[in-house]
Amino acid sequence: MTGGVNSFQVSGYGPERSGWTRLLARDSVARRLDWPILLSATALSLLGTLLVYSATRNRTELNQGDPYYFLVRHLLNTGIGLALMAGTIWLGHRGLRTAVPILYGLSVLLILLVLTPLGSTINGAHSWIKLPGGFSLQPSEFVKVTIILGMAMLLAARVDAGDRQYPDHRTVVQALGLAAVPMVIVMLMPDLGSVMVMVIIVLGVLLASGATNRWVFGLLGAGAIGAITVWQIGVLDDYQIARFAAFANPELDPAGVGYNTNQARIAIGSGGLTGSGLFHGSQTTGQFVPEQQTDFVFTVAGEELGFLGGGLIILLLGIVLWRACRIARETSDLYGTIVAAGIVAWFAFQTFENIGMTLGIMPVTGLPLPFVSYGGSSMFAVWIAVGLLQSIRVQRPMSA
């Protein structure tokens, strides 16, 4: 090519361009990332680090005598999560599309291992696989990702190829079957909280795919019938039934099954507008709220940071959801739209359920607060989801 500049140089990646020029080029990955999501999620994880530290620094029965034990591990989990996000962006949601069968099979295998002697019970939930070095893995967290990717792959295949305008009934049945297999296995653990999230994900995915409303209403009816059936045949453990009973009647057993939610409301209510100050909450310091670093981490924010601190967490999660909805709306392919919509449904329901159970407006199910609660599997899964959202945004066509 003579008498001009080649296209490689015009795009901002020519040898004469500096590193900063390439980084800030209009079509660079850095410029096309959704920074409000990235910054909000990072702020949530760092804020969660402080809350987890406050909840565990005095709990010698948990931290093995090291007050910084959970703080260091939460930061490590966040760092690994960021690396997983970067790897997901590098692979791309479209690149991962071809690997969905492998990822789906691996996730199903892992949750099946939970039902073998390799599985372990933590806090009443038989949902974990013990790993060397004191680590553990909760495979159901990754199943949320593979259900989204698998259903999106099936529902969008013929639409993105131009063969149809919306998924046909046969395709919807196949997608529902794909989601049903891991959901049934997780129900057998039983891990009711994760199943509830997966049901919401399935509904969100179907709504985004353009499938007829008959499927959505049919699934809602089937879900109601299924819930009654599960209750009647005794699939749920006694402690799970007791949690729902305590939700229906908070005064049923205030010293027993209702203790957690009562103490959680006391902690949040005592925080007032600005809170008692970080590391100075009497409920947190006195260790009155069980599982405060995981399921009930929002109570630390409510007590020590007050209404303003709790509101900040909700605001940051709202920014993540708002930007994810925008990504779902603006992407040009149905596959990307479905993936983003599934993540929105996942994050929105899990946030509402976690905060709701600390306020007594939702039953206790053991779901972590995204980005904030302590837990490696949950942290890794949500950051992978952020990587998928970023990939969808980065790979969409640039406007002129």
Protein backbone atom coordinates (compact mmCIF):
# COMPACT_ATOMS: atom_id res chain seq x y z
CA MET A 1 0.00 0.00 0.00
CA THR A 2 1.52 3.32 -1.04
CA GLY A 3 0.80 7.00 -0.58
CA GLY A 4 -1.22 6.62 2.59
CA VAL A 5 -1.62 5.06 5.98
CA ASN A 6 -2.73 1.47 6.24
CA SER A 7 -5.91 0.50 8.12
CA PHE A 8 -3.95 -0.97 11.02
CA GLN A 9 -2.46 2.43 11.71
CA VAL A 10 -5.76 4.29 11.23
CA SER A 11 -7.44 2.10 13.82
CA GLY A 12 -5.07 3.43 16.42
CA TYR A 13 -2.82 0.37 16.71
CA GLY A 14 0.02 1.35 14.41
CA PRO A 15 3.62 1.14 15.60
CA GLU A 16 3.89 4.90 15.86
CA ARG A 17 1.05 5.09 18.39
CA SER A 18 1.95 5.19 22.08
CA GLY A 19 0.51 2.79 24.64
CA TRP A 20 -1.77 5.49 26.01
CA THR A 21 -3.01 6.37 22.52
CA ARG A 22 -3.91 2.74 21.86
CA LEU A 23 -5.58 2.47 25.25
CA LEU A 24 -7.69 5.60 24.70
CA ALA A 25 -8.49 4.97 21.03
CA ARG A 26 -12.22 5.14 20.32
CA ASP A 27 -12.40 1.46 19.37
CA SER A 28 -10.16 0.20 22.18
CA VAL A 29 -11.46 -2.30 24.71
CA ALA A 30 -10.81 0.12 27.59
CA ARG A 31 -12.97 2.84 26.01
CA ARG A 32 -15.78 0.41 25.21
CA LEU A 33 -16.02 -1.12 28.67
CA ASP A 34 -19.03 -0.18 30.76
CA TRP A 35 -17.18 1.67 33.50
CA PRO A 36 -20.22 2.39 35.71
CA ILE A 37 -20.75 -1.37 36.10
CA LEU A 38 -17.07 -2.05 36.71
CA LEU A 39 -16.61 0.75 39.23
CA SER A 40 -19.87 0.02 41.06
CA ALA A 41 -19.14 -3.71 41.33
CA THR A 42 -15.60 -3.01 42.52
CA ALA A 43 -16.87 -0.52 45.12
CA LEU A 44 -19.37 -3.11 46.35
CA SER A 45 -16.66 -5.75 46.72
CA LEU A 46 -14.36 -3.37 48.60
CA LEU A 47 -17.18 -2.18 50.83
CA GLY A 48 -18.05 -5.81 51.43
CA THR A 49 -14.46 -6.39 52.55
CA LEU A 50 -14.90 -3.84 55.36
CA LEU A 51 -18.27 -5.27 56.37
CA VAL A 52 -16.98 -8.84 56.37
CA TYR A 53 -13.97 -7.77 58.46
CA SER A 54 -16.22 -6.00 60.95
CA ALA A 55 -18.44 -9.08 61.25
CA THR A 56 -15.60 -11.58 61.74
CA ARG A 57 -12.65 -9.82 63.40
CA ASN A 58 -13.82 -10.84 66.90
CA ARG A 59 -15.19 -14.28 66.02
CA THR A 60 -12.28 -16.46 67.03
CA GLU A 61 -14.32 -19.63 66.46
CA LEU A 62 -14.48 -18.66 62.78
CA ASN A 63 -11.28 -16.74 62.01
CA GLN A 64 -8.86 -19.27 63.58
CA GLY A 65 -7.50 -16.57 65.88
CA ASP A 66 -6.54 -14.25 63.01
CA PRO A 67 -8.79 -11.14 62.87
CA TYR A 68 -7.71 -10.50 59.27
CA TYR A 69 -8.48 -14.03 58.09
CA PHE A 70 -11.75 -13.23 56.29
CA LEU A 71 -10.56 -9.79 55.16
CA VAL A 72 -7.59 -11.27 53.29
CA ARG A 73 -9.64 -14.08 51.79
CA HIS A 74 -12.40 -11.71 50.66
CA LEU A 75 -9.83 -9.51 48.94
CA LEU A 76 -8.29 -12.62 47.36
CA ASN A 77 -11.70 -13.75 46.14
CA THR A 78 -12.31 -10.30 44.67
CA GLY A 79 -8.93 -10.37 42.90
CA ILE A 80 -9.63 -13.81 41.43
CA GLY A 81 -13.08 -12.58 40.41
CA LEU A 82 -11.56 -9.63 38.54
CA ALA A 83 -9.17 -12.01 36.78
CA LEU A 84 -12.09 -14.24 35.79
CA MET A 85 -13.92 -11.18 34.47
CA ALA A 86 -10.88 -10.23 32.36
CA GLY A 87 -10.60 -13.79 31.05
CA THR A 88 -14.29 -13.81 30.15
CA ILE A 89 -13.94 -10.54 28.24
CA TRP A 90 -10.90 -11.94 26.41
CA LEU A 91 -12.73 -15.12 25.41
CA GLY A 92 -15.88 -13.18 24.57
CA HIS A 93 -19.50 -14.21 25.04
CA ARG A 94 -19.60 -15.29 21.40
CA GLY A 95 -16.45 -17.37 21.81
CA LEU A 96 -17.93 -19.01 24.89
CA ARG A 97 -21.04 -19.83 22.87
CA THR A 98 -19.23 -22.70 21.18
CA ALA A 99 -18.03 -24.02 24.54
CA VAL A 100 -21.47 -24.01 26.17
CA PRO A 101 -21.99 -27.81 25.89
CA ILE A 102 -18.67 -28.43 27.68
CA LEU A 103 -19.36 -25.82 30.38
CA TYR A 104 -22.88 -27.14 30.89
CA GLY A 105 -21.69 -30.73 31.20
CA LEU A 106 -18.96 -29.73 33.65
CA SER A 107 -21.38 -27.79 35.85
CA VAL A 108 -23.85 -30.69 35.94
CA LEU A 109 -21.01 -33.06 36.86
CA LEU A 110 -19.95 -30.81 39.72
CA ILE A 111 -23.42 -30.58 41.26
CA LEU A 112 -23.74 -34.37 40.94
CA LEU A 113 -20.50 -34.69 42.94
CA VAL A 114 -22.17 -32.78 45.77
CA LEU A 115 -24.58 -35.73 46.14
CA THR A 116 -21.66 -38.15 46.52
CA PRO A 117 -19.41 -38.60 49.60
CA LEU A 118 -17.34 -35.70 48.22
CA GLY A 119 -20.16 -33.32 49.13
CA SER A 120 -20.27 -31.58 52.49
CA THR A 121 -22.82 -29.72 54.58
CA ILE A 122 -22.19 -26.14 55.69
CA ASN A 123 -24.74 -24.24 57.79
CA GLY A 124 -27.37 -26.88 57.11
CA ALA A 125 -27.00 -26.80 53.33
CA HIS A 126 -25.52 -29.86 51.59
CA SER A 127 -24.31 -27.78 48.63
CA TRP A 128 -20.54 -27.82 48.86
CA ILE A 129 -17.48 -29.75 47.72
CA LYS A 130 -14.55 -29.60 50.12
CA LEU A 131 -11.20 -28.74 48.52
CA PRO A 132 -7.64 -28.97 49.88
CA GLY A 133 -6.28 -26.03 51.90
CA GLY A 134 -9.52 -25.31 53.72
CA PHE A 135 -11.31 -24.11 50.59
CA SER A 136 -14.74 -25.21 49.38
CA LEU A 137 -16.72 -24.94 46.15
CA GLN A 138 -20.45 -24.37 45.71
CA PRO A 139 -21.17 -25.60 42.15
CA SER A 140 -24.75 -24.29 42.11
CA GLU A 141 -23.36 -20.74 41.79
CA PHE A 142 -21.76 -21.60 38.44
CA VAL A 143 -24.89 -23.43 37.26
CA LYS A 144 -26.61 -20.03 37.18
CA VAL A 145 -24.11 -18.92 34.54
CA THR A 146 -24.35 -22.09 32.44
CA ILE A 147 -28.17 -22.07 32.48
CA ILE A 148 -28.11 -18.53 31.09
CA LEU A 149 -25.55 -19.37 28.41
CA GLY A 150 -27.18 -22.69 27.49
CA MET A 151 -30.71 -21.34 27.17
CA ALA A 152 -29.46 -18.30 25.26
CA MET A 153 -27.59 -20.52 22.81
CA LEU A 154 -30.69 -22.60 22.06
CA LEU A 155 -33.26 -19.81 21.99
CA ALA A 156 -31.20 -17.45 19.83
CA ALA A 157 -29.72 -19.94 17.33
CA ARG A 158 -32.36 -19.78 14.59
CA VAL A 159 -33.31 -16.15 15.29
CA ASP A 160 -29.75 -14.83 14.95
CA ALA A 161 -29.35 -16.96 11.81
CA GLY A 162 -32.35 -15.17 10.29
CA ASP A 163 -34.55 -18.27 10.07
CA ARG A 164 -37.18 -17.02 12.54
CA GLN A 165 -38.27 -13.87 14.33
CA TYR A 166 -38.73 -15.61 17.69
CA PRO A 167 -38.08 -19.08 19.15
CA ASP A 168 -40.57 -21.80 18.22
CA HIS A 169 -42.25 -24.09 20.75
CA ARG A 170 -39.85 -26.95 20.14
CA THR A 171 -36.85 -24.74 20.87
CA VAL A 172 -38.46 -23.43 24.07
CA VAL A 173 -39.08 -27.00 25.25
CA GLN A 174 -35.43 -27.87 24.60
CA ALA A 175 -34.25 -24.79 26.51
CA LEU A 176 -36.53 -25.60 29.45
CA GLY A 177 -35.26 -29.17 29.49
CA LEU A 178 -31.68 -27.91 29.58
CA ALA A 179 -32.49 -25.76 32.62
CA ALA A 180 -34.57 -28.45 34.35
CA VAL A 181 -31.76 -31.01 34.66
CA PRO A 182 -29.46 -29.01 37.00
CA MET A 183 -32.45 -27.49 38.80
CA VAL A 184 -33.75 -30.94 39.77
CA ILE A 185 -30.29 -31.99 40.98
CA VAL A 186 -29.89 -28.81 43.06
CA MET A 187 -33.37 -29.36 44.50
CA LEU A 188 -32.29 -32.82 45.68
CA MET A 189 -29.48 -31.32 47.79
CA PRO A 190 -31.81 -29.49 48.73
CA ASP A 191 -30.73 -25.91 47.96
CA LEU A 192 -34.04 -24.08 47.70
CA GLY A 193 -32.51 -20.61 47.47
CA SER A 194 -30.46 -21.44 44.38
CA VAL A 195 -33.46 -23.11 42.74
CA MET A 196 -35.53 -19.97 43.32
CA VAL A 197 -32.85 -17.89 41.58
CA MET A 198 -32.73 -20.34 38.67
CA VAL A 199 -36.51 -20.17 38.24
CA ILE A 200 -36.32 -16.37 38.01
CA ILE A 201 -33.44 -16.66 35.54
CA VAL A 202 -35.51 -18.98 33.33
CA LEU A 203 -38.44 -16.55 33.37
CA GLY A 204 -36.18 -13.60 32.56
CA VAL A 205 -34.52 -15.48 29.71
CA LEU A 206 -37.87 -16.49 28.20
CA LEU A 207 -39.20 -12.93 28.39
CA ALA A 208 -36.08 -11.58 26.66
CA SER A 209 -36.14 -14.27 23.96
CA GLY A 210 -39.51 -13.22 22.58
CA ALA A 211 -41.17 -16.53 23.41
CA THR A 212 -44.96 -16.29 23.64
CA ASN A 213 -46.46 -15.23 26.96
CA ARG A 214 -48.20 -18.60 27.19
CA TRP A 215 -44.87 -20.10 28.19
CA VAL A 216 -44.29 -17.54 30.93
CA PHE A 217 -47.78 -17.90 32.43
CA GLY A 218 -47.59 -21.67 32.04
CA LEU A 219 -44.31 -21.78 33.93
CA LEU A 220 -45.68 -19.60 36.71
CA GLY A 221 -48.58 -22.02 37.11
CA ALA A 222 -46.28 -25.03 36.94
CA GLY A 223 -44.00 -23.42 39.51
CA ALA A 224 -46.87 -22.94 41.94
CA ILE A 225 -47.94 -26.56 41.52
CA GLY A 226 -44.34 -27.72 41.85
CA ALA A 227 -43.85 -25.74 45.08
CA ILE A 228 -46.95 -27.31 46.63
CA THR A 229 -45.81 -30.76 45.49
CA VAL A 230 -42.32 -30.30 46.93
CA TRP A 231 -43.84 -29.20 50.22
CA GLN A 232 -46.23 -32.16 50.36
CA ILE A 233 -43.79 -34.95 49.46
CA GLY A 234 -41.18 -33.83 51.98
CA VAL A 235 -38.27 -32.89 49.72
CA LEU A 236 -37.38 -29.91 51.90
CA ASP A 237 -35.44 -30.38 55.11
CA ASP A 238 -37.05 -29.52 58.42
CA TYR A 239 -34.96 -26.38 58.86
CA GLN A 240 -36.14 -25.05 55.48
CA ILE A 241 -39.78 -25.64 56.35
CA ALA A 242 -39.20 -23.94 59.70
CA ARG A 243 -37.77 -20.88 57.93
CA PHE A 244 -40.92 -20.45 55.85
CA ALA A 245 -43.07 -20.96 58.93
CA ALA A 246 -41.10 -18.27 60.78
CA PHE A 247 -41.50 -15.93 57.78
CA ALA A 248 -45.26 -16.44 57.83
CA ASN A 249 -45.35 -15.89 61.60
CA PRO A 250 -42.31 -13.98 62.96
CA GLU A 251 -43.44 -14.55 66.55
CA LEU A 252 -43.60 -18.33 66.08
CA ASP A 253 -40.23 -19.13 67.68
CA PRO A 254 -38.28 -15.92 68.43
CA ALA A 255 -35.58 -17.79 70.35
CA GLY A 256 -35.24 -20.53 67.75
CA VAL A 257 -35.88 -20.42 64.02
CA GLY A 258 -37.02 -16.77 64.18
CA TYR A 259 -33.91 -15.66 66.04
CA ASN A 260 -31.88 -14.73 62.95
CA THR A 261 -34.47 -12.44 61.43
CA ASN A 262 -35.35 -10.83 64.77
CA GLN A 263 -31.71 -10.01 65.49
CA ALA A 264 -31.22 -8.81 61.92
CA ARG A 265 -34.09 -6.31 62.23
CA ILE A 266 -32.77 -5.13 65.60
CA ALA A 267 -29.31 -4.53 64.08
CA ILE A 268 -30.64 -2.62 61.07
CA GLY A 269 -33.14 -0.64 63.14
CA SER A 270 -30.48 0.46 65.63
CA GLY A 271 -28.38 2.04 62.89
CA GLY A 272 -30.63 5.04 62.36
CA LEU A 273 -29.67 7.49 59.63
CA THR A 274 -25.87 7.43 59.82
CA GLY A 275 -25.16 4.28 61.86
CA SER A 276 -23.10 3.66 64.96
CA GLY A 277 -19.83 3.85 63.03
CA LEU A 278 -17.78 1.22 61.23
CA PHE A 279 -16.57 -1.49 63.67
CA HIS A 280 -18.72 -0.02 66.47
CA GLY A 281 -22.02 -1.84 66.04
CA SER A 282 -23.20 -3.41 69.30
CA GLN A 283 -25.13 -6.21 67.57
CA THR A 284 -22.16 -6.98 65.32
CA THR A 285 -19.54 -6.71 68.07
CA GLY A 286 -21.71 -8.78 70.39
CA GLN A 287 -22.08 -11.45 67.70
CA PHE A 288 -25.86 -11.56 68.04
CA VAL A 289 -26.56 -12.04 64.30
CA PRO A 290 -25.50 -15.48 62.95
CA GLU A 291 -23.83 -15.82 59.55
CA GLN A 292 -23.28 -12.08 59.42
CA GLN A 293 -20.37 -12.28 56.99
CA THR A 294 -22.41 -14.20 54.40
CA ASP A 295 -26.22 -14.27 54.36
CA PHE A 296 -26.75 -11.34 56.77
CA VAL A 297 -23.93 -9.02 55.74
CA PHE A 298 -26.44 -6.25 55.00
CA THR A 299 -27.17 -6.04 58.74
CA VAL A 300 -23.60 -4.85 59.32
CA ALA A 301 -24.13 -2.03 56.85
CA GLY A 302 -27.50 -1.14 58.37
CA GLU A 303 -26.17 -1.03 61.92
CA GLU A 304 -22.75 0.54 61.42
CA LEU A 305 -23.35 2.72 58.34
CA GLY A 306 -27.03 3.41 58.90
CA PHE A 307 -29.71 4.16 56.35
CA LEU A 308 -27.21 6.11 54.24
CA GLY A 309 -24.74 3.22 54.08
CA GLY A 310 -27.42 0.66 53.31
CA GLY A 311 -28.84 3.03 50.71
CA LEU A 312 -25.41 3.36 49.11
CA ILE A 313 -25.18 -0.42 48.67
CA ILE A 314 -28.64 -0.50 47.10
CA LEU A 315 -27.71 2.44 44.84
CA LEU A 316 -24.54 0.73 43.62
CA LEU A 317 -26.42 -2.51 42.93
CA GLY A 318 -29.07 -0.42 41.15
CA ILE A 319 -26.39 1.09 38.89
CA VAL A 320 -25.18 -2.41 37.97
CA LEU A 321 -28.74 -3.47 37.12
CA TRP A 322 -29.49 -0.28 35.19
CA ARG A 323 -26.38 -0.56 33.03
CA ALA A 324 -26.98 -4.29 32.48
CA CYS A 325 -30.52 -3.50 31.28
CA ARG A 326 -29.07 -0.91 28.91
CA ILE A 327 -26.59 -3.45 27.54
CA ALA A 328 -29.41 -5.94 26.99
CA ARG A 329 -31.46 -3.33 25.15
CA GLU A 330 -28.69 -1.98 22.94
CA THR A 331 -27.01 -5.20 21.76
CA SER A 332 -27.75 -6.17 18.17
CA ASP A 333 -27.96 -9.97 18.55
CA LEU A 334 -30.60 -11.92 20.45
CA TYR A 335 -27.98 -14.16 22.08
CA GLY A 336 -26.35 -11.17 23.79
CA THR A 337 -29.74 -9.75 24.77
CA ILE A 338 -30.80 -13.01 26.41
CA VAL A 339 -27.50 -13.42 28.29
CA ALA A 340 -27.67 -9.87 29.65
CA ALA A 341 -31.35 -10.24 30.58
CA GLY A 342 -30.66 -13.50 32.42
CA ILE A 343 -27.94 -11.79 34.46
CA VAL A 344 -30.30 -8.90 35.28
CA ALA A 345 -32.95 -11.36 36.51
CA TRP A 346 -30.34 -13.20 38.59
CA PHE A 347 -28.82 -10.11 40.24
CA ALA A 348 -32.17 -8.37 40.80
CA PHE A 349 -33.89 -11.31 42.49
CA GLN A 350 -30.89 -12.33 44.59
CA THR A 351 -30.42 -8.75 45.79
CA PHE A 352 -34.10 -8.40 46.67
CA GLU A 353 -34.19 -11.77 48.43
CA ASN A 354 -31.02 -11.17 50.47
CA ILE A 355 -31.91 -7.66 51.63
CA GLY A 356 -35.56 -8.64 51.99
CA MET A 357 -34.82 -11.50 54.38
CA THR A 358 -32.80 -9.19 56.65
CA LEU A 359 -35.82 -6.85 56.78
CA GLY A 360 -38.31 -9.67 57.35
CA ILE A 361 -40.17 -9.20 54.04
CA MET A 362 -38.74 -12.36 52.43
CA PRO A 363 -38.06 -15.85 53.85
CA VAL A 364 -34.53 -16.80 54.86
CA THR A 365 -32.99 -18.86 52.05
CA GLY A 366 -29.24 -18.48 52.48
CA LEU A 367 -28.59 -16.45 49.32
CA PRO A 368 -25.55 -14.13 49.41
CA LEU A 369 -25.68 -10.45 48.54
CA PRO A 370 -23.92 -10.08 45.13
CA PHE A 371 -20.36 -8.72 45.37
CA VAL A 372 -20.73 -7.97 49.11
CA SER A 373 -21.17 -11.26 50.99
CA TYR A 374 -18.20 -13.45 51.82
CA GLY A 375 -17.87 -16.56 49.64
CA GLY A 376 -15.55 -17.50 46.81
CA SER A 377 -17.98 -19.38 44.58
CA SER A 378 -20.54 -16.57 44.67
CA MET A 379 -17.87 -13.92 44.08
CA PHE A 380 -16.38 -15.79 41.14
CA ALA A 381 -19.79 -16.36 39.53
CA VAL A 382 -20.94 -12.73 39.74
CA TRP A 383 -17.66 -11.43 38.32
CA ILE A 384 -17.88 -13.93 35.44
CA ALA A 385 -21.35 -12.49 34.83
CA VAL A 386 -19.88 -8.97 34.78
CA GLY A 387 -17.32 -10.23 32.25
CA LEU A 388 -20.17 -11.49 30.04
CA LEU A 389 -21.90 -8.10 30.26
CA GLN A 390 -18.68 -6.30 29.36
CA SER A 391 -18.05 -8.67 26.46
CA ILE A 392 -21.54 -8.00 25.07
CA ARG A 393 -20.90 -4.27 25.24
CA VAL A 394 -17.37 -4.45 23.84
CA GLN A 395 -18.33 -6.64 20.88
CA ARG A 396 -21.38 -4.71 19.77
CA PRO A 397 -20.95 -2.73 16.53
CA MET A 398 -19.62 0.81 16.93
CA SER A 399 -21.92 3.61 15.79
CA ALA A 400 -20.64 5.95 13.14
